[in-house]
C-alpha atoms as a PDB file:
ATOM      1  CA  MET A   1    -194.094  49.734 -79.804  1.00  0.00           C
ATOM      2  CA  ASP A   2    -194.738  52.148 -76.913  1.00  0.00           C
ATOM      3  CA  GLU A   3    -197.028  49.955 -74.815  1.00  0.00           C
ATOM      4  CA  LEU A   4    -194.982  50.748 -71.697  1.00  0.00           C
ATOM      5  CA  LYS A   5    -194.584  54.479 -72.288  1.00  0.00           C
ATOM      6  CA  GLY A   6    -194.679  56.236 -68.910  1.00  0.00           C
ATOM      7  CA  VAL A   7    -193.940  53.013 -66.989  1.00  0.00           C
ATOM      8  CA  LYS A   8    -190.943  53.347 -64.672  1.00  0.00           C
ATOM      9  CA  ILE A   9    -188.785  50.263 -64.169  1.00  0.00           C
ATOM     10  CA  CYS A  10    -185.845  49.875 -61.791  1.00  0.00           C
ATOM     11  CA  PHE A  11    -182.959  47.501 -62.506  1.00  0.00           C
ATOM     12  CA  ILE A  12    -180.549  46.834 -59.636  1.00  0.00           C
ATOM     13  CA  ALA A  13    -177.010  45.756 -60.516  1.00  0.00           C
ATOM     14  CA  ASP A  14    -173.294  45.963 -59.907  1.00  0.00           C
ATOM     15  CA  ASP A  15    -170.118  44.669 -61.536  1.00  0.00           C
ATOM     16  CA  GLY A  16    -170.358  41.052 -62.602  1.00  0.00           C
ATOM     17  CA  PHE A  17    -173.969  41.135 -63.824  1.00  0.00           C
ATOM     18  CA  GLU A  18    -174.871  38.497 -66.407  1.00  0.00           C
ATOM     19  CA  ASP A  19    -174.612  40.562 -69.596  1.00  0.00           C
ATOM     20  CA  THR A  20    -177.609  39.082 -71.416  1.00  0.00           C
ATOM     21  CA  GLU A  21    -179.815  39.114 -68.309  1.00  0.00           C
ATOM     22  CA  LEU A  22    -179.438  42.865 -67.980  1.00  0.00           C
ATOM     23  CA  MET A  23    -179.047  43.947 -71.602  1.00  0.00           C
ATOM     24  CA  TYR A  24    -181.828  41.885 -73.223  1.00  0.00           C
ATOM     25  CA  PRO A  25    -184.544  43.043 -70.765  1.00  0.00           C
ATOM     26  CA  LEU A  26    -183.174  46.600 -70.988  1.00  0.00           C
ATOM     27  CA  LEU A  27    -183.454  46.557 -74.789  1.00  0.00           C
ATOM     28  CA  ARG A  28    -186.927  45.011 -74.760  1.00  0.00           C
ATOM     29  CA  LEU A  29    -188.404  47.175 -72.008  1.00  0.00           C
ATOM     30  CA  LYS A  30    -186.787  50.509 -72.879  1.00  0.00           C
ATOM     31  CA  TYR A  31    -186.259  50.472 -76.619  1.00  0.00           C
ATOM     32  CA  GLU A  32    -188.964  48.099 -77.823  1.00  0.00           C
ATOM     33  CA  CYS A  33    -191.712  49.045 -75.356  1.00  0.00           C
ATOM     34  CA  GLY A  34    -190.806  52.630 -74.408  1.00  0.00           C
ATOM     35  CA  ALA A  35    -190.476  52.175 -70.635  1.00  0.00           C
ATOM     36  CA  ASP A  36    -188.440  54.603 -68.542  1.00  0.00           C
ATOM     37  CA  VAL A  37    -185.639  52.387 -67.166  1.00  0.00           C
ATOM     38  CA  THR A  38    -183.385  53.355 -64.258  1.00  0.00           C
ATOM     39  CA  ILE A  39    -180.301  51.348 -63.343  1.00  0.00           C
ATOM     40  CA  ALA A  40    -179.489  51.617 -59.653  1.00  0.00           C
ATOM     41  CA  GLY A  41    -176.126  50.699 -58.207  1.00  0.00           C
ATOM     42  CA  VAL A  42    -173.789  51.338 -55.334  1.00  0.00           C
ATOM     43  CA  ASN A  43    -172.722  54.687 -56.798  1.00  0.00           C
ATOM     44  CA  LYS A  44    -174.528  57.092 -59.129  1.00  0.00           C
ATOM     45  CA  GLY A  45    -173.005  57.651 -62.564  1.00  0.00           C
ATOM     46  CA  GLU A  46    -170.673  54.699 -62.200  1.00  0.00           C
ATOM     47  CA  THR A  47    -169.810  52.447 -65.130  1.00  0.00           C
ATOM     48  CA  ILE A  48    -170.478  48.844 -64.159  1.00  0.00           C
ATOM     49  CA  LYS A  49    -169.229  45.910 -66.175  1.00  0.00           C
ATOM     50  CA  GLY A  50    -170.891  42.590 -66.946  1.00  0.00           C
ATOM     51  CA  LYS A  51    -169.183  39.202 -66.773  1.00  0.00           C
ATOM     52  CA  MET A  52    -168.595  39.244 -70.533  1.00  0.00           C
ATOM     53  CA  GLY A  53    -167.506  42.890 -70.679  1.00  0.00           C
ATOM     54  CA  LEU A  54    -170.651  44.857 -71.590  1.00  0.00           C
ATOM     55  CA  VAL A  55    -170.944  48.098 -69.651  1.00  0.00           C
ATOM     56  CA  VAL A  56    -173.812  50.298 -68.426  1.00  0.00           C
ATOM     57  CA  ASN A  57    -173.906  53.429 -66.304  1.00  0.00           C
ATOM     58  CA  THR A  58    -175.881  53.655 -63.102  1.00  0.00           C
ATOM     59  CA  ASP A  59    -178.521  56.373 -62.828  1.00  0.00           C
ATOM     60  CA  MET A  60    -178.949  56.427 -59.051  1.00  0.00           C
ATOM     61  CA  THR A  61    -177.725  54.828 -55.837  1.00  0.00           C
ATOM     62  CA  PHE A  62    -179.469  52.200 -53.744  1.00  0.00           C
ATOM     63  CA  LYS A  63    -179.878  54.857 -51.033  1.00  0.00           C
ATOM     64  CA  GLU A  64    -181.977  56.992 -53.411  1.00  0.00           C
ATOM     65  CA  LEU A  65    -184.466  54.232 -54.279  1.00  0.00           C
ATOM     66  CA  LYS A  66    -188.099  54.727 -53.264  1.00  0.00           C
ATOM     67  CA  PRO A  67    -190.753  52.093 -54.097  1.00  0.00           C
ATOM     68  CA  GLU A  68    -193.370  54.700 -55.014  1.00  0.00           C
ATOM     69  CA  LYS A  69    -191.178  55.978 -57.870  1.00  0.00           C
ATOM     70  CA  PHE A  70    -191.239  52.683 -59.802  1.00  0.00           C
ATOM     71  CA  ASP A  71    -193.811  50.388 -61.387  1.00  0.00           C
ATOM     72  CA  ALA A  72    -191.569  47.297 -61.493  1.00  0.00           C
ATOM     73  CA  LEU A  73    -188.274  45.944 -60.202  1.00  0.00           C
ATOM     74  CA  VAL A  74    -185.927  43.779 -62.305  1.00  0.00           C
ATOM     75  CA  ILE A  75    -183.026  41.841 -60.792  1.00  0.00           C
ATOM     76  CA  PRO A  76    -180.586  40.392 -63.343  1.00  0.00           C
ATOM     77  CA  GLY A  77    -178.312  37.505 -62.354  1.00  0.00           C
ATOM     78  CA  GLY A  78    -174.612  36.850 -62.589  1.00  0.00           C
ATOM     79  CA  GLN A  79    -172.279  37.662 -59.703  1.00  0.00           C
ATOM     80  CA  SER A  80    -173.904  41.046 -59.127  1.00  0.00           C
ATOM     81  CA  PRO A  81    -176.751  39.848 -56.836  1.00  0.00           C
ATOM     82  CA  ASP A  82    -174.290  38.301 -54.408  1.00  0.00           C
ATOM     83  CA  HIS A  83    -172.268  41.544 -54.385  1.00  0.00           C
ATOM     84  CA  ILE A  84    -175.236  43.867 -53.799  1.00  0.00           C
ATOM     85  CA  ARG A  85    -177.210  41.933 -51.214  1.00  0.00           C
ATOM     86  CA  ILE A  86    -174.841  43.159 -48.507  1.00  0.00           C
ATOM     87  CA  TYR A  87    -176.288  46.688 -48.725  1.00  0.00           C
ATOM     88  CA  PRO A  88    -178.977  47.194 -46.043  1.00  0.00           C
ATOM     89  CA  GLU A  89    -180.547  50.127 -47.917  1.00  0.00           C
ATOM     90  CA  LEU A  90    -181.086  47.898 -50.971  1.00  0.00           C
ATOM     91  CA  ILE A  91    -182.594  45.081 -48.932  1.00  0.00           C
ATOM     92  CA  LYS A  92    -184.937  47.550 -47.196  1.00  0.00           C
ATOM     93  CA  PHE A  93    -185.988  48.910 -50.613  1.00  0.00           C
ATOM     94  CA  VAL A  94    -186.733  45.377 -51.864  1.00  0.00           C
ATOM     95  CA  GLN A  95    -188.756  44.581 -48.732  1.00  0.00           C
ATOM     96  CA  ASN A  96    -190.755  47.793 -49.121  1.00  0.00           C
ATOM     97  CA  PHE A  97    -191.209  47.221 -52.855  1.00  0.00           C
ATOM     98  CA  ASP A  98    -192.573  43.753 -52.071  1.00  0.00           C
ATOM     99  CA  LYS A  99    -195.344  45.395 -50.020  1.00  0.00           C
ATOM    100  CA  THR A 100    -196.516  47.479 -53.011  1.00  0.00           C
ATOM    101  CA  GLY A 101    -197.775  44.466 -54.966  1.00  0.00           C
ATOM    102  CA  LYS A 102    -195.998  45.749 -58.095  1.00  0.00           C
ATOM    103  CA  PRO A 103    -194.096  43.287 -60.331  1.00  0.00           C
ATOM    104  CA  VAL A 104    -190.743  41.987 -59.118  1.00  0.00           C
ATOM    105  CA  ALA A 105    -188.796  40.066 -61.775  1.00  0.00           C
ATOM    106  CA  SER A 106    -185.744  37.978 -60.913  1.00  0.00           C
ATOM    107  CA  ILE A 107    -183.672  35.778 -63.203  1.00  0.00           C
ATOM    108  CA  CYS A 108    -180.920  33.276 -62.437  1.00  0.00           C
ATOM    109  CA  HIS A 109    -178.852  34.443 -59.426  1.00  0.00           C
ATOM    110  CA  GLY A 110    -181.069  37.534 -59.014  1.00  0.00           C
ATOM    111  CA  ILE A 111    -183.093  35.540 -56.515  1.00  0.00           C
ATOM    112  CA  GLN A 112    -180.201  35.858 -54.037  1.00  0.00           C
ATOM    113  CA  VAL A 113    -181.335  39.425 -53.348  1.00  0.00           C
ATOM    114  CA  LEU A 114    -184.877  38.180 -52.639  1.00  0.00           C
ATOM    115  CA  ILE A 115    -183.535  35.433 -50.373  1.00  0.00           C
ATOM    116  CA  THR A 116    -181.629  38.026 -48.325  1.00  0.00           C
ATOM    117  CA  ALA A 117    -184.706  40.278 -48.231  1.00  0.00           C
ATOM    118  CA  LYS A 118    -186.731  37.329 -46.846  1.00  0.00           C
ATOM    119  CA  VAL A 119    -189.667  37.818 -49.221  1.00  0.00           C
ATOM    120  CA  LEU A 120    -189.942  34.274 -50.643  1.00  0.00           C
ATOM    121  CA  GLU A 121    -191.765  32.483 -47.818  1.00  0.00           C
ATOM    122  CA  GLY A 122    -194.678  30.445 -49.215  1.00  0.00           C
ATOM    123  CA  ARG A 123    -193.993  31.289 -52.871  1.00  0.00           C
ATOM    124  CA  LYS A 124    -193.238  29.158 -55.906  1.00  0.00           C
ATOM    125  CA  ALA A 125    -189.949  30.280 -57.428  1.00  0.00           C
ATOM    126  CA  THR A 126    -187.121  29.369 -59.733  1.00  0.00           C
ATOM    127  CA  GLY A 127    -183.537  30.451 -60.254  1.00  0.00           C
ATOM    128  CA  TRP A 128    -180.168  29.046 -61.192  1.00  0.00           C
ATOM    129  CA  LYS A 129    -179.938  25.305 -60.427  1.00  0.00           C
ATOM    130  CA  SER A 130    -177.157  25.699 -57.828  1.00  0.00           C
ATOM    131  CA  LEU A 131    -179.557  27.799 -55.712  1.00  0.00           C
ATOM    132  CA  VAL A 132    -182.303  25.174 -55.261  1.00  0.00           C
ATOM    133  CA  VAL A 133    -181.405  24.506 -51.609  1.00  0.00           C
ATOM    134  CA  ASP A 134    -181.095  28.243 -50.865  1.00  0.00           C
ATOM    135  CA  ILE A 135    -184.497  28.913 -52.443  1.00  0.00           C
ATOM    136  CA  GLU A 136    -186.110  26.102 -50.450  1.00  0.00           C
ATOM    137  CA  ASN A 137    -184.367  27.212 -47.226  1.00  0.00           C
ATOM    138  CA  ALA A 138    -185.896  30.668 -47.834  1.00  0.00           C
ATOM    139  CA  GLY A 139    -189.340  29.033 -47.603  1.00  0.00           C
ATOM    140  CA  ALA A 140    -190.169  28.853 -51.315  1.00  0.00           C
ATOM    141  CA  LYS A 141    -191.072  25.816 -53.412  1.00  0.00           C
ATOM    142  CA  TYR A 142    -188.515  25.431 -56.207  1.00  0.00           C
ATOM    143  CA  VAL A 143    -190.012  24.784 -59.652  1.00  0.00           C
ATOM    144  CA  ASP A 144    -187.693  23.834 -62.523  1.00  0.00           C
ATOM    145  CA  LYS A 145    -189.401  25.735 -65.349  1.00  0.00           C
ATOM    146  CA  ALA A 146    -188.378  28.528 -67.707  1.00  0.00           C
ATOM    147  CA  LEU A 147    -190.978  30.841 -66.194  1.00  0.00           C
ATOM    148  CA  VAL A 148    -192.576  30.739 -62.759  1.00  0.00           C
ATOM    149  CA  MET A 149    -195.068  33.394 -61.719  1.00  0.00           C
ATOM    150  CA  ASP A 150    -196.457  33.733 -58.213  1.00  0.00           C
ATOM    151  CA  GLY A 151    -198.537  36.799 -57.482  1.00  0.00           C
ATOM    152  CA  GLN A 152    -196.462  39.875 -58.277  1.00  0.00           C
ATOM    153  CA  TYR A 153    -193.308  37.768 -58.739  1.00  0.00           C
ATOM    154  CA  ILE A 154    -191.784  36.697 -62.068  1.00  0.00           C
ATOM    155  CA  PHE A 155    -188.901  34.197 -61.970  1.00  0.00           C
ATOM    156  CA  SER A 156    -186.712  32.568 -64.617  1.00  0.00           C
ATOM    157  CA  ARG A 157    -183.749  30.214 -64.357  1.00  0.00           C
ATOM    158  CA  GLN A 158    -181.112  31.277 -66.881  1.00  0.00           C
ATOM    159  CA  PRO A 159    -180.286  33.247 -70.040  1.00  0.00           C
ATOM    160  CA  SER A 160    -182.072  30.781 -72.334  1.00  0.00           C
ATOM    161  CA  ASP A 161    -185.323  31.703 -70.516  1.00  0.00           C
ATOM    162  CA  LEU A 162    -185.053  35.422 -71.302  1.00  0.00           C
ATOM    163  CA  GLY A 163    -187.808  35.451 -73.947  1.00  0.00           C
ATOM    164  CA  TYR A 164    -190.367  34.082 -71.476  1.00  0.00           C
ATOM    165  CA  PHE A 165    -189.020  36.344 -68.726  1.00  0.00           C
ATOM    166  CA  CYS A 166    -189.334  39.558 -70.736  1.00  0.00           C
ATOM    167  CA  ASP A 167    -192.730  38.622 -72.189  1.00  0.00           C
ATOM    168  CA  ALA A 168    -194.046  38.068 -68.652  1.00  0.00           C
ATOM    169  CA  ILE A 169    -192.706  41.421 -67.422  1.00  0.00           C
ATOM    170  CA  ILE A 170    -194.244  43.254 -70.366  1.00  0.00           C
ATOM    171  CA  SER A 171    -197.561  41.444 -70.000  1.00  0.00           C
ATOM    172  CA  SER A 172    -197.770  42.178 -66.265  1.00  0.00           C
ATOM    173  CA  LEU A 173    -197.107  45.874 -66.853  1.00  0.00           C
ATOM    174  CA  VAL A 174    -199.492  46.236 -69.787  1.00  0.00           C
ATOM    175  CA  LYS A 175    -202.250  44.742 -67.620  1.00  0.00           C
ATOM    176  CA  ALA A 176    -201.342  46.704 -64.468  1.00  0.00           C
ATOM    177  CA  PRO A 177    -202.984  50.051 -65.348  1.00  0.00           C
ATOM    178  CA  LYS A 178    -206.236  48.249 -66.225  1.00  0.00           C
ATOM    179  CA  ARG A 179    -206.251  46.546 -62.830  1.00  0.00           C
ATOM    180  CA  GLU A 180    -205.747  49.896 -61.092  1.00  0.00           C
ATOM    181  CA  THR A 181    -208.605  51.452 -63.093  1.00  0.00           C
ATOM    182  CA  GLU A 182    -210.881  48.541 -62.185  1.00  0.00           C
ATOM    183  CA  LYS A 183    -209.969  48.884 -58.481  1.00  0.00           C
ATOM    184  CA  ARG A 184    -210.797  52.594 -58.580  1.00  0.00           C
ATOM    185  CA  LYS A 185    -214.174  51.906 -60.209  1.00  0.00           C
ATOM    186  CA  ILE A 186    -215.013  49.362 -57.536  1.00  0.00           C
ATOM    187  CA  ALA A 187    -213.946  51.758 -54.758  1.00  0.00           C
ATOM    188  CA  ILE A 188    -216.067  54.559 -56.242  1.00  0.00           C
ATOM    189  CA  LYS A 189    -219.186  52.323 -56.417  1.00  0.00           C
ATOM    190  CA  ARG A 190    -218.909  51.452 -52.699  1.00  0.00           C
END
């Protein structure tokens, strides 16, 4: 129940997010697994509204984001990714987060943020079917599967893939501390 206690996860969103793609991972990661979830948006303390009317409040601004403060990044789809990818401070954060090797999870249109950040070159990826050409133009190989994992990246296509998507995020974070411990042991032996 608390397998992610102490794990800090950042969601990035704005108005027009796909309700289920933000709310289902939020419920699983925060309430089922005990993770500390932060929702970042354009403005702090703002109420943002999903396509179907669900609302959440933002905890911090894109300008406040620092990769070292989070263990994972989640990018829900909907119209939100297209709205937020115009913010240079967000794109810089995503590029810097990419360099950490920590999990980055994107579903549906969330991949638009990663396309703008230019972090897909040479990867296998998936996203909403209308974005196939955009994904390939960004240098990734499009794979039409419910779940595609490539290194630190976790991708899913659409709301019906959410079970696979969330399971993969949880699994990658449960395993992450063990990998860090093993790396430290190896470094100490050398």
